Structure formats: C-alpha cells, structure tokens
Amino acid sequence: MIRGQRGLRRTLQTLTSVTLYGTLPTMKERTLRILTALINDFVESATPVASKKLLESGEFSVSSATVRNEFALLEEIGLIESPHVSSGKIPTEKGYRFFVDQLLQEDADEEQKIQELFAKHMKEYHLEKARESLFDMIKLCSHLSGNVAFASIENDQSLYLGLSKVLRSPEFIAEPERGAQIVEVFERREKFQEMLTSLKLPIGKVKIFIGNENLFEEVQSCAMLVLRYETKGVQGHIGILGPMRMNYGYNRALLRNVVGLLG
C-alpha cells in the first residue's frame, strides 16, 4: 500500500500516462492519485468511499464534483464500482490488479514499520517459548535431582518446582523452621530474582554456593547451584537448591545438560 505524499509522488512520477492492458484510456495523474487514495481508504475502513471523504483528507484541492467525475471515469473503465445505489465507491477485482501491477511501489517507511513490528512479535514469541521451555527444564531438574529446581527470566518472572521434596529431607524434618525459611525465600520472587541478577555470573557456567556462601541468610543451611543462560535474546538463570548433603557433580552435570532444552 502506498502511504503518504512522498511515496505517492514517487509512484506518480512514472505513471502520469498509464494504459491498462492497451484497452483503457490514458489516465491523468489526478485520476491515479484518486484511485490510490480510494483503495488505501477502503483497505483501512472496509467502507465504501464517498467523494466528500476523500476531500476531507486534504490531499486534493478540487471540488466534490471533480472527484465524482473522476469516480465516474474509474467506474466506467471497471476499476471501481458502487456496491449499492447512491453509496460510495469500492475497488473492483480489476482495480486491485491495476493497483498492484501499476501503482504499488516499494515503500521504505512501510518496510521499516513492518521490520519493527516483526521484531517486537518475535521477541514476544521467543519470550513465551523460553517460559515454556524453562518450566519443562525445572520439572526435569527437580525430578532427577530430588531438590528444588528454579528458573528466572530477566525483567520478567521466576518460577520453581519441587519444594515439597526438599522439605521431606531429614535435615528439614528435624528442623522444620529451616524449611519454612526456604519457602519464604521462594515466595519473595522479586527479591530472589534480584539476588540472582546480582551474582553477575558468566553465561553457561555453573556456580556452586555452599552454606554461608549463599546471599540469603534463610538458605545458608543449603547448597545452591546456578547457571546463567542466554537464548535468542532472552537471558536468565536456572538452578538447583537443596541440603548441603547433595551430589554436587551429578547436579552440576544435570544443569549443564538440561539447559540444552532451550535450543
């Protein structure tokens, strides 16, 4: 679609005497501009276009009668039609074909708009896919490790699974207040995510925190493994938290492998 006076002027520089299929009369620049404006308006509104409406756009310094005369010419040669008696005009199939073949030009502004819109939707698409993958990843991590598995997306959200498994560990059955502190940490999702971001970990490397090395006092009876990931413009963290009595080598290898699910 041609938008704006600049793109329209570029088009009309080469179309002031276009003949369609060798059977139509040569049309003036004004006729072509009116046809273009009518098609653009109808595509946007899905409403038949009256001469008054075209004049309200400010693109044409002519009378309503002149526009109606141009409409009559365009209708006579089959490029527009009246869907109802005394209604505005709409393009015909032939009119759309003429527009596409003879009037439609590459438009840098339109191309830029589409690129920006596409980039925005792709970012949202990758973010949603990352959420889905992270849920599957922490579900697998929790199942295979028997500990809490957690994940975060920077500036978005954090999630966790498997808390009940950790709370059934002998360490926390014997001291249930410690288990309650772990629950509190994960329920403060924003604080937990801020803590992960503050670690400033390199991407792809597992960092292990044991006991007092943990930034939250509430989980200093635990060990935590964290890996920072990046995929298709989405960054965040994935990790495992459980008693210090854990299989560190196994859990580190588990994180390294499960992050591959992000693609």
C-alpha atoms as a PDB file:
ATOM      1  CA  MET A   1       0.000   0.000   0.000  1.00  0.00           C
ATOM      2  CA  ILE A   2       1.220   3.492  -0.815  1.00  0.00           C
ATOM      3  CA  ARG A   3       1.222   5.738   2.234  1.00  0.00           C
ATOM      4  CA  GLY A   4       1.993   9.445   2.467  1.00  0.00           C
ATOM      5  CA  GLN A   5       2.556  12.098  -0.138  1.00  0.00           C
ATOM      6  CA  ARG A   6       6.242  11.248  -0.610  1.00  0.00           C
ATOM      7  CA  GLY A   7       5.618   7.634  -1.633  1.00  0.00           C
ATOM      8  CA  LEU A   8       2.677   8.679  -3.797  1.00  0.00           C
ATOM      9  CA  ARG A   9       4.728  11.319  -5.614  1.00  0.00           C
ATOM     10  CA  ARG A  10       7.452   8.772  -6.331  1.00  0.00           C
ATOM     11  CA  THR A  11       4.864   6.461  -7.840  1.00  0.00           C
ATOM     12  CA  LEU A  12       3.202   9.136  -9.953  1.00  0.00           C
ATOM     13  CA  GLN A  13       6.442  10.327 -11.475  1.00  0.00           C
ATOM     14  CA  THR A  14       6.343   7.234 -13.706  1.00  0.00           C
ATOM     15  CA  LEU A  15       2.585   6.820 -14.008  1.00  0.00           C
ATOM     16  CA  THR A  16       1.175  10.008 -15.456  1.00  0.00           C
ATOM     17  CA  SER A  17       0.174   8.220 -18.635  1.00  0.00           C
ATOM     18  CA  VAL A  18      -0.538   4.595 -17.793  1.00  0.00           C
ATOM     19  CA  THR A  19      -2.636   2.494 -20.151  1.00  0.00           C
ATOM     20  CA  LEU A  20      -4.038  -0.740 -18.728  1.00  0.00           C
ATOM     21  CA  TYR A  21      -3.724  -3.798 -20.983  1.00  0.00           C
ATOM     22  CA  GLY A  22      -3.715  -1.471 -24.010  1.00  0.00           C
ATOM     23  CA  THR A  23      -7.512  -1.079 -23.867  1.00  0.00           C
ATOM     24  CA  LEU A  24      -8.074   1.767 -21.411  1.00  0.00           C
ATOM     25  CA  PRO A  25      -7.740   5.478 -21.994  1.00  0.00           C
ATOM     26  CA  THR A  26      -4.632   7.191 -20.673  1.00  0.00           C
ATOM     27  CA  MET A  27      -5.355   8.450 -17.152  1.00  0.00           C
ATOM     28  CA  LYS A  28      -4.237  11.733 -15.664  1.00  0.00           C
ATOM     29  CA  GLU A  29      -2.052  11.957 -12.581  1.00  0.00           C
ATOM     30  CA  ARG A  30      -5.050  13.165 -10.574  1.00  0.00           C
ATOM     31  CA  THR A  31      -7.111  10.136 -11.615  1.00  0.00           C
ATOM     32  CA  LEU A  32      -4.357   7.793 -10.492  1.00  0.00           C
ATOM     33  CA  ARG A  33      -3.992   9.631  -7.197  1.00  0.00           C
ATOM     34  CA  ILE A  34      -7.724   9.418  -6.561  1.00  0.00           C
ATOM     35  CA  LEU A  35      -7.758   5.694  -7.331  1.00  0.00           C
ATOM     36  CA  THR A  36      -4.804   5.147  -4.987  1.00  0.00           C
ATOM     37  CA  ALA A  37      -6.429   7.168  -2.208  1.00  0.00           C
ATOM     38  CA  LEU A  38      -9.731   5.325  -2.637  1.00  0.00           C
ATOM     39  CA  ILE A  39      -8.076   1.900  -2.419  1.00  0.00           C
ATOM     40  CA  ASN A  40      -5.993   2.876   0.614  1.00  0.00           C
ATOM     41  CA  ASP A  41      -9.062   4.253   2.375  1.00  0.00           C
ATOM     42  CA  PHE A  42     -11.191   1.206   1.608  1.00  0.00           C
ATOM     43  CA  VAL A  43      -8.470  -1.217   2.742  1.00  0.00           C
ATOM     44  CA  GLU A  44      -8.314   0.584   6.091  1.00  0.00           C
ATOM     45  CA  SER A  45     -12.034   1.147   6.671  1.00  0.00           C
ATOM     46  CA  ALA A  46     -13.839  -1.597   4.708  1.00  0.00           C
ATOM     47  CA  THR A  47     -16.428   1.124   4.000  1.00  0.00           C
ATOM     48  CA  PRO A  48     -17.390   2.454   0.545  1.00  0.00           C
ATOM     49  CA  VAL A  49     -15.570   5.723  -0.091  1.00  0.00           C
ATOM     50  CA  ALA A  50     -17.526   8.878  -0.967  1.00  0.00           C
ATOM     51  CA  SER A  51     -16.053  11.905  -2.727  1.00  0.00           C
ATOM     52  CA  LYS A  52     -16.548  14.021   0.395  1.00  0.00           C
ATOM     53  CA  LYS A  53     -14.432  11.645   2.459  1.00  0.00           C
ATOM     54  CA  LEU A  54     -11.518  11.840   0.030  1.00  0.00           C
ATOM     55  CA  LEU A  55     -11.644  15.631   0.114  1.00  0.00           C
ATOM     56  CA  GLU A  56     -11.601  15.639   3.917  1.00  0.00           C
ATOM     57  CA  SER A  57      -8.143  14.088   3.816  1.00  0.00           C
ATOM     58  CA  GLY A  58      -6.743  17.340   2.412  1.00  0.00           C
ATOM     59  CA  GLU A  59      -4.873  15.563  -0.401  1.00  0.00           C
ATOM     60  CA  PHE A  60      -6.939  17.068  -3.204  1.00  0.00           C
ATOM     61  CA  SER A  61      -7.548  20.744  -3.985  1.00  0.00           C
ATOM     62  CA  VAL A  62     -10.546  20.147  -6.224  1.00  0.00           C
ATOM     63  CA  SER A  63     -14.311  20.249  -5.860  1.00  0.00           C
ATOM     64  CA  SER A  64     -16.510  17.350  -4.874  1.00  0.00           C
ATOM     65  CA  ALA A  65     -17.973  17.426  -8.397  1.00  0.00           C
ATOM     66  CA  THR A  66     -14.493  16.922  -9.873  1.00  0.00           C
ATOM     67  CA  VAL A  67     -13.885  13.895  -7.656  1.00  0.00           C
ATOM     68  CA  ARG A  68     -17.269  12.486  -8.671  1.00  0.00           C
ATOM     69  CA  ASN A  69     -16.328  12.933 -12.316  1.00  0.00           C
ATOM     70  CA  GLU A  70     -13.105  11.019 -11.726  1.00  0.00           C
ATOM     71  CA  PHE A  71     -15.111   8.322  -9.914  1.00  0.00           C
ATOM     72  CA  ALA A  72     -17.375   8.102 -12.951  1.00  0.00           C
ATOM     73  CA  LEU A  73     -14.381   7.576 -15.241  1.00  0.00           C
ATOM     74  CA  LEU A  74     -12.862   4.932 -12.987  1.00  0.00           C
ATOM     75  CA  GLU A  75     -16.208   3.171 -12.729  1.00  0.00           C
ATOM     76  CA  GLU A  76     -16.730   3.307 -16.490  1.00  0.00           C
ATOM     77  CA  ILE A  77     -13.420   1.537 -17.139  1.00  0.00           C
ATOM     78  CA  GLY A  78     -14.118  -1.045 -14.451  1.00  0.00           C
ATOM     79  CA  LEU A  79     -11.634  -0.130 -11.738  1.00  0.00           C
ATOM     80  CA  ILE A  80     -14.201   0.840  -9.091  1.00  0.00           C
ATOM     81  CA  GLU A  81     -17.888   0.162  -8.516  1.00  0.00           C
ATOM     82  CA  SER A  82     -20.858   1.127  -6.362  1.00  0.00           C
ATOM     83  CA  PRO A  83     -21.960  -1.736  -4.111  1.00  0.00           C
ATOM     84  CA  HIS A  84     -25.316  -0.027  -3.554  1.00  0.00           C
ATOM     85  CA  VAL A  85     -27.261   2.752  -5.206  1.00  0.00           C
ATOM     86  CA  SER A  86     -26.145   6.223  -4.024  1.00  0.00           C
ATOM     87  CA  SER A  87     -23.329   4.751  -1.934  1.00  0.00           C
ATOM     88  CA  GLY A  88     -19.608   5.403  -2.072  1.00  0.00           C
ATOM     89  CA  LYS A  89     -17.216   3.503  -4.299  1.00  0.00           C
ATOM     90  CA  ILE A  90     -15.102   0.407  -3.737  1.00  0.00           C
ATOM     91  CA  PRO A  91     -12.312  -1.136  -5.829  1.00  0.00           C
ATOM     92  CA  THR A  92     -13.153  -3.977  -8.204  1.00  0.00           C
ATOM     93  CA  GLU A  93     -11.004  -7.044  -8.722  1.00  0.00           C
ATOM     94  CA  LYS A  94      -9.682  -5.343 -11.843  1.00  0.00           C
ATOM     95  CA  GLY A  95      -8.980  -2.212  -9.788  1.00  0.00           C
ATOM     96  CA  TYR A  96      -6.914  -4.149  -7.254  1.00  0.00           C
ATOM     97  CA  ARG A  97      -4.975  -5.812 -10.079  1.00  0.00           C
ATOM     98  CA  PHE A  98      -4.234  -2.459 -11.706  1.00  0.00           C
ATOM     99  CA  PHE A  99      -3.150  -1.053  -8.342  1.00  0.00           C
ATOM    100  CA  VAL A 100      -0.793  -3.966  -7.665  1.00  0.00           C
ATOM    101  CA  ASP A 101       0.659  -4.068 -11.162  1.00  0.00           C
ATOM    102  CA  GLN A 102       0.989  -0.350 -11.859  1.00  0.00           C
ATOM    103  CA  LEU A 103       0.751   1.746  -8.683  1.00  0.00           C
ATOM    104  CA  LEU A 104       2.199  -0.327  -5.834  1.00  0.00           C
ATOM    105  CA  GLN A 105       5.811   0.608  -5.132  1.00  0.00           C
ATOM    106  CA  GLU A 106       8.387  -0.337  -2.523  1.00  0.00           C
ATOM    107  CA  ASP A 107       7.974   1.991   0.449  1.00  0.00           C
ATOM    108  CA  ALA A 108      10.904   2.431   2.839  1.00  0.00           C
ATOM    109  CA  ASP A 109       8.655   3.747   5.618  1.00  0.00           C
ATOM    110  CA  GLU A 110       6.308   0.783   5.287  1.00  0.00           C
ATOM    111  CA  GLU A 111       9.244  -1.644   5.247  1.00  0.00           C
ATOM    112  CA  GLN A 112      10.679  -0.087   8.406  1.00  0.00           C
ATOM    113  CA  LYS A 113       7.316  -0.284  10.136  1.00  0.00           C
ATOM    114  CA  ILE A 114       6.963  -3.975   9.289  1.00  0.00           C
ATOM    115  CA  GLN A 115      10.508  -4.748  10.439  1.00  0.00           C
ATOM    116  CA  GLU A 116       9.872  -3.081  13.803  1.00  0.00           C
ATOM    117  CA  LEU A 117       6.530  -4.839  14.217  1.00  0.00           C
ATOM    118  CA  PHE A 118       8.049  -8.191  13.267  1.00  0.00           C
ATOM    119  CA  ALA A 119      10.950  -7.722  15.688  1.00  0.00           C
ATOM    120  CA  LYS A 120       8.523  -6.921  18.513  1.00  0.00           C
ATOM    121  CA  HIS A 121       6.414 -10.007  17.875  1.00  0.00           C
ATOM    122  CA  MET A 122       9.472 -12.242  17.515  1.00  0.00           C
ATOM    123  CA  LYS A 123      10.753 -11.001  20.868  1.00  0.00           C
ATOM    124  CA  GLU A 124       7.404 -11.840  22.471  1.00  0.00           C
ATOM    125  CA  TYR A 125       7.387 -15.207  20.691  1.00  0.00           C
ATOM    126  CA  HIS A 126      10.870 -16.131  21.940  1.00  0.00           C
ATOM    127  CA  LEU A 127       9.966 -14.980  25.455  1.00  0.00           C
ATOM    128  CA  GLU A 128       6.886 -17.201  25.522  1.00  0.00           C
ATOM    129  CA  LYS A 129       8.873 -20.154  24.155  1.00  0.00           C
ATOM    130  CA  ALA A 130      11.517 -19.576  26.829  1.00  0.00           C
ATOM    131  CA  ARG A 131       8.853 -19.663  29.546  1.00  0.00           C
ATOM    132  CA  GLU A 132       7.518 -22.962  28.232  1.00  0.00           C
ATOM    133  CA  SER A 133      10.995 -24.489  27.967  1.00  0.00           C
ATOM    134  CA  LEU A 134      12.044 -23.278  31.430  1.00  0.00           C
ATOM    135  CA  PHE A 135       9.023 -24.913  33.027  1.00  0.00           C
ATOM    136  CA  ASP A 136       9.908 -28.219  31.354  1.00  0.00           C
ATOM    137  CA  MET A 137      13.533 -27.816  32.398  1.00  0.00           C
ATOM    138  CA  ILE A 138      12.901 -27.222  36.090  1.00  0.00           C
ATOM    139  CA  LYS A 139      10.332 -30.012  36.148  1.00  0.00           C
ATOM    140  CA  LEU A 140      13.003 -32.378  34.825  1.00  0.00           C
ATOM    141  CA  CYS A 141      15.698 -30.987  37.135  1.00  0.00           C
ATOM    142  CA  SER A 142      13.528 -31.353  40.207  1.00  0.00           C
ATOM    143  CA  HIS A 143      12.527 -34.883  39.242  1.00  0.00           C
ATOM    144  CA  LEU A 144      16.091 -36.050  38.538  1.00  0.00           C
ATOM    145  CA  SER A 145      17.781 -34.259  41.451  1.00  0.00           C
ATOM    146  CA  GLY A 146      15.149 -34.662  44.156  1.00  0.00           C
ATOM    147  CA  ASN A 147      15.677 -30.989  45.055  1.00  0.00           C
ATOM    148  CA  VAL A 148      14.089 -27.623  44.348  1.00  0.00           C
ATOM    149  CA  ALA A 149      14.673 -26.501  40.778  1.00  0.00           C
ATOM    150  CA  PHE A 150      14.183 -22.857  39.889  1.00  0.00           C
ATOM    151  CA  ALA A 151      14.466 -20.602  36.857  1.00  0.00           C
ATOM    152  CA  SER A 152      14.148 -16.928  36.063  1.00  0.00           C
ATOM    153  CA  ILE A 153      13.813 -14.692  33.027  1.00  0.00           C
ATOM    154  CA  GLU A 154      15.450 -11.302  33.481  1.00  0.00           C
ATOM    155  CA  ASN A 155      12.906  -8.482  33.854  1.00  0.00           C
ATOM    156  CA  ASP A 156      10.052 -10.961  33.619  1.00  0.00           C
ATOM    157  CA  GLN A 157       9.404 -13.697  36.170  1.00  0.00           C
ATOM    158  CA  SER A 158      10.811 -16.535  38.267  1.00  0.00           C
ATOM    159  CA  LEU A 159       9.383 -19.974  38.970  1.00  0.00           C
ATOM    160  CA  TYR A 160      10.252 -23.056  40.973  1.00  0.00           C
ATOM    161  CA  LEU A 161       9.178 -26.679  41.478  1.00  0.00           C
ATOM    162  CA  GLY A 162       9.974 -29.466  43.931  1.00  0.00           C
ATOM    163  CA  LEU A 163       9.854 -27.587  47.212  1.00  0.00           C
ATOM    164  CA  SER A 164       7.949 -30.400  48.912  1.00  0.00           C
ATOM    165  CA  LYS A 165      10.749 -32.858  48.042  1.00  0.00           C
ATOM    166  CA  VAL A 166      13.329 -30.773  49.890  1.00  0.00           C
ATOM    167  CA  LEU A 167      11.070 -30.268  52.878  1.00  0.00           C
ATOM    168  CA  ARG A 168      10.888 -34.061  53.263  1.00  0.00           C
ATOM    169  CA  SER A 169      14.678 -34.277  53.609  1.00  0.00           C
ATOM    170  CA  PRO A 170      15.885 -35.447  57.053  1.00  0.00           C
ATOM    171  CA  GLU A 171      17.651 -32.117  57.616  1.00  0.00           C
ATOM    172  CA  PHE A 172      14.419 -30.162  57.365  1.00  0.00           C
ATOM    173  CA  ILE A 173      12.170 -32.702  59.046  1.00  0.00           C
ATOM    174  CA  ALA A 174      14.444 -32.411  62.082  1.00  0.00           C
ATOM    175  CA  GLU A 175      14.459 -28.597  61.891  1.00  0.00           C
ATOM    176  CA  PRO A 176      11.200 -27.536  60.231  1.00  0.00           C
ATOM    177  CA  GLU A 177      11.931 -23.832  60.801  1.00  0.00           C
ATOM    178  CA  ARG A 178      14.716 -24.097  58.231  1.00  0.00           C
ATOM    179  CA  GLY A 179      12.260 -25.488  55.742  1.00  0.00           C
ATOM    180  CA  ALA A 180       9.918 -22.592  56.442  1.00  0.00           C
ATOM    181  CA  GLN A 181      12.740 -20.139  55.679  1.00  0.00           C
ATOM    182  CA  ILE A 182      13.320 -21.767  52.281  1.00  0.00           C
ATOM    183  CA  VAL A 183       9.630 -21.403  51.474  1.00  0.00           C
ATOM    184  CA  GLU A 184       9.805 -17.728  52.408  1.00  0.00           C
ATOM    185  CA  VAL A 185      12.750 -17.100  50.081  1.00  0.00           C
ATOM    186  CA  PHE A 186      10.989 -18.573  47.050  1.00  0.00           C
ATOM    187  CA  GLU A 187       7.751 -16.774  47.824  1.00  0.00           C
ATOM    188  CA  ARG A 188       9.618 -13.450  47.652  1.00  0.00           C
ATOM    189  CA  ARG A 189      10.042 -13.897  43.934  1.00  0.00           C
ATOM    190  CA  GLU A 190      11.206 -10.378  43.112  1.00  0.00           C
ATOM    191  CA  LYS A 191      13.871 -10.397  45.825  1.00  0.00           C
ATOM    192  CA  PHE A 192      15.021 -13.845  44.745  1.00  0.00           C
ATOM    193  CA  GLN A 193      15.308 -12.723  41.130  1.00  0.00           C
ATOM    194  CA  GLU A 194      17.216  -9.594  42.180  1.00  0.00           C
ATOM    195  CA  MET A 195      19.626 -11.816  44.096  1.00  0.00           C
ATOM    196  CA  LEU A 196      20.231 -13.992  41.028  1.00  0.00           C
ATOM    197  CA  THR A 197      20.893 -10.940  38.857  1.00  0.00           C
ATOM    198  CA  SER A 198      23.312  -9.517  41.417  1.00  0.00           C
ATOM    199  CA  LEU A 199      25.506 -12.632  41.114  1.00  0.00           C
ATOM    200  CA  LYS A 200      26.687 -11.399  37.670  1.00  0.00           C
ATOM    201  CA  LEU A 201      27.555 -14.905  36.533  1.00  0.00           C
ATOM    202  CA  PRO A 202      29.142 -15.653  33.161  1.00  0.00           C
ATOM    203  CA  ILE A 203      26.768 -17.294  30.695  1.00  0.00           C
ATOM    204  CA  GLY A 204      26.875 -21.085  30.557  1.00  0.00           C
ATOM    205  CA  LYS A 205      28.952 -21.741  33.681  1.00  0.00           C
ATOM    206  CA  VAL A 206      27.562 -23.444  36.803  1.00  0.00           C
ATOM    207  CA  LYS A 207      28.361 -21.653  40.072  1.00  0.00           C
ATOM    208  CA  ILE A 208      28.042 -23.576  43.339  1.00  0.00           C
ATOM    209  CA  PHE A 209      27.192 -21.812  46.624  1.00  0.00           C
ATOM    210  CA  ILE A 210      27.530 -23.805  49.832  1.00  0.00           C
ATOM    211  CA  GLY A 211      26.127 -22.792  53.216  1.00  0.00           C
ATOM    212  CA  ASN A 212      27.223 -19.305  54.247  1.00  0.00           C
ATOM    213  CA  GLU A 213      28.235 -18.511  50.659  1.00  0.00           C
ATOM    214  CA  ASN A 214      24.537 -18.074  49.853  1.00  0.00           C
ATOM    215  CA  LEU A 215      23.465 -14.445  49.794  1.00  0.00           C
ATOM    216  CA  PHE A 216      20.183 -15.137  51.583  1.00  0.00           C
ATOM    217  CA  GLU A 217      20.643 -15.954  55.252  1.00  0.00           C
ATOM    218  CA  GLU A 218      17.488 -18.063  55.127  1.00  0.00           C
ATOM    219  CA  VAL A 219      19.102 -20.648  52.830  1.00  0.00           C
ATOM    220  CA  GLN A 220      22.546 -20.769  54.416  1.00  0.00           C
ATOM    221  CA  SER A 221      21.748 -24.271  55.594  1.00  0.00           C
ATOM    222  CA  CYS A 222      21.557 -25.283  51.916  1.00  0.00           C
ATOM    223  CA  ALA A 223      23.642 -25.586  48.792  1.00  0.00           C
ATOM    224  CA  MET A 224      22.644 -23.866  45.559  1.00  0.00           C
ATOM    225  CA  LEU A 225      23.844 -24.419  42.006  1.00  0.00           C
ATOM    226  CA  VAL A 226      23.108 -21.659  39.478  1.00  0.00           C
ATOM    227  CA  LEU A 227      23.690 -21.372  35.728  1.00  0.00           C
ATOM    228  CA  ARG A 228      23.083 -18.234  33.717  1.00  0.00           C
ATOM    229  CA  TYR A 229      21.678 -18.846  30.225  1.00  0.00           C
ATOM    230  CA  GLU A 230      21.023 -16.833  27.093  1.00  0.00           C
ATOM    231  CA  THR A 231      18.902 -17.887  24.127  1.00  0.00           C
ATOM    232  CA  LYS A 232      17.541 -15.801  21.243  1.00  0.00           C
ATOM    233  CA  GLY A 233      17.769 -12.548  23.152  1.00  0.00           C
ATOM    234  CA  VAL A 234      16.307 -13.978  26.380  1.00  0.00           C
ATOM    235  CA  GLN A 235      18.524 -14.191  29.476  1.00  0.00           C
ATOM    236  CA  GLY A 236      18.031 -15.549  32.952  1.00  0.00           C
ATOM    237  CA  HIS A 237      19.098 -18.190  35.447  1.00  0.00           C
ATOM    238  CA  ILE A 238      18.332 -21.822  36.177  1.00  0.00           C
ATOM    239  CA  GLY A 239      19.404 -23.658  39.299  1.00  0.00           C
ATOM    240  CA  ILE A 240      19.011 -26.314  41.957  1.00  0.00           C
ATOM    241  CA  LEU A 241      18.699 -25.786  45.713  1.00  0.00           C
ATOM    242  CA  GLY A 242      18.775 -28.475  48.378  1.00  0.00           C
ATOM    243  CA  PRO A 243      20.544 -29.689  51.505  1.00  0.00           C
ATOM    244  CA  MET A 244      24.336 -29.366  51.612  1.00  0.00           C
ATOM    245  CA  ARG A 245      24.222 -33.152  51.616  1.00  0.00           C
ATOM    246  CA  MET A 246      23.823 -33.433  47.854  1.00  0.00           C
ATOM    247  CA  ASN A 247      25.581 -34.985  44.868  1.00  0.00           C
ATOM    248  CA  TYR A 248      27.330 -31.896  43.531  1.00  0.00           C
ATOM    249  CA  GLY A 249      28.889 -33.477  40.460  1.00  0.00           C
ATOM    250  CA  TYR A 250      25.607 -35.045  39.392  1.00  0.00           C
ATOM    251  CA  ASN A 251      23.623 -31.843  39.853  1.00  0.00           C
ATOM    252  CA  ARG A 252      26.205 -29.731  38.038  1.00  0.00           C
ATOM    253  CA  ALA A 253      26.147 -32.088  35.058  1.00  0.00           C
ATOM    254  CA  LEU A 254      22.338 -32.100  35.176  1.00  0.00           C
ATOM    255  CA  LEU A 255      22.171 -28.315  34.867  1.00  0.00           C
ATOM    256  CA  ARG A 256      24.673 -28.259  32.019  1.00  0.00           C
ATOM    257  CA  ASN A 257      22.671 -30.803  30.056  1.00  0.00           C
ATOM    258  CA  VAL A 258      19.144 -29.619  30.770  1.00  0.00           C
ATOM    259  CA  VAL A 259      19.893 -26.060  29.622  1.00  0.00           C
ATOM    260  CA  GLY A 260      20.266 -27.520  26.139  1.00  0.00           C
ATOM    261  CA  LEU A 261      16.465 -27.795  26.012  1.00  0.00           C
ATOM    262  CA  LEU A 262      16.393 -24.039  25.405  1.00  0.00           C
ATOM    263  CA  GLY A 263      17.815 -24.666  21.934  1.00  0.00           C
END
